[in-house]
């Protein structure tokens, strides 16, 4: 059975586009999608951290993989 992603429709998570990434309601960072693996995983590049609390953790230019279904993702 394929996993269901109710937070991010697969067709809307577009490489080259920038999204606002949240976790449990907390805004973490804006990130550009580098690669989307068409299921659970994507490679993102941080554009900017969204709070003072996270600026030391997420720095502009950082690239890493995220499990998309774990986050709330919205338009920047």
Protein backbone atom coordinates (compact mmCIF):
# COMPACT_ATOMS: atom_id res chain seq x y z
CA UNK A 1 0.00 0.00 0.00
CA UNK A 2 1.32 3.45 -0.92
CA UNK A 3 1.69 5.94 1.93
CA UNK A 4 -0.80 8.79 2.00
CA UNK A 5 0.56 12.33 2.29
CA UNK A 6 -2.16 14.57 3.61
CA UNK A 7 0.09 17.56 4.34
CA UNK A 8 1.71 18.07 0.93
CA UNK A 9 0.05 17.03 -2.30
CA UNK A 10 2.76 15.38 -4.43
CA UNK A 11 1.84 17.46 -7.46
CA UNK A 12 2.37 20.72 -5.56
CA UNK A 13 5.90 20.18 -4.18
CA UNK A 14 7.80 21.53 -7.17
CA UNK A 15 11.60 21.59 -7.63
CA UNK A 16 12.86 25.15 -8.07
CA UNK A 17 10.04 26.61 -6.01
CA UNK A 18 10.45 28.05 -2.49
CA UNK A 19 8.21 26.95 0.39
CA UNK A 20 7.75 27.83 4.05
CA UNK A 21 8.55 24.80 6.24
CA UNK A 22 6.86 24.36 9.64
CA UNK A 23 7.01 21.63 12.26
CA UNK A 24 4.25 21.30 14.85
CA UNK A 25 3.11 24.84 14.04
CA UNK A 26 6.56 26.42 14.50
CA UNK A 27 7.98 28.19 11.44
CA UNK A 28 11.47 26.84 10.76
CA UNK A 29 12.73 28.18 7.43
CA UNK A 30 11.98 29.05 3.83
CA UNK A 31 13.53 26.49 1.51
CA UNK A 32 13.93 25.91 -2.20
CA UNK A 33 13.15 22.39 -3.38
CA UNK A 34 16.20 20.96 -5.15
CA UNK A 35 14.92 17.42 -5.81
CA UNK A 36 11.63 15.74 -5.06
CA UNK A 37 11.74 11.99 -5.07
CA UNK A 38 8.03 11.65 -5.81
CA UNK A 39 7.09 10.08 -2.52
CA UNK A 40 8.30 10.82 0.96
CA UNK A 41 11.68 12.49 0.47
CA UNK A 42 12.97 15.77 -0.94
CA UNK A 43 16.27 17.63 -0.97
CA UNK A 44 15.87 21.27 0.06
CA UNK A 45 18.17 24.30 0.31
CA UNK A 46 17.53 26.78 3.14
CA UNK A 47 16.85 30.28 1.84
CA UNK A 48 16.35 31.88 5.26
CA UNK A 49 15.59 30.80 8.83
CA UNK A 50 12.30 32.19 10.10
CA UNK A 51 13.06 32.78 13.77
CA UNK A 52 15.94 33.79 15.99
CA UNK A 53 15.59 30.44 17.74
CA UNK A 54 16.41 28.55 14.54
CA UNK A 55 18.98 30.82 12.88
CA UNK A 56 21.93 28.88 14.34
CA UNK A 57 20.47 25.54 13.24
CA UNK A 58 19.30 26.44 9.72
CA UNK A 59 21.71 28.63 7.78
CA UNK A 60 21.12 30.00 4.26
CA UNK A 61 22.57 27.66 1.63
CA UNK A 62 22.38 24.47 3.73
CA UNK A 63 21.13 21.48 1.74
CA UNK A 64 19.64 18.35 3.24
CA UNK A 65 16.92 15.75 2.75
CA UNK A 66 13.61 15.96 4.56
CA UNK A 67 10.79 13.49 4.95
CA UNK A 68 8.11 15.70 3.47
CA UNK A 69 5.15 14.17 5.33
CA UNK A 70 6.68 15.15 8.68
CA UNK A 71 6.31 18.89 7.99
CA UNK A 72 3.64 21.43 7.20
CA UNK A 73 4.63 23.04 3.92
CA UNK A 74 3.08 26.18 2.52
CA UNK A 75 3.67 28.96 0.07
CA UNK A 76 6.41 31.39 1.02
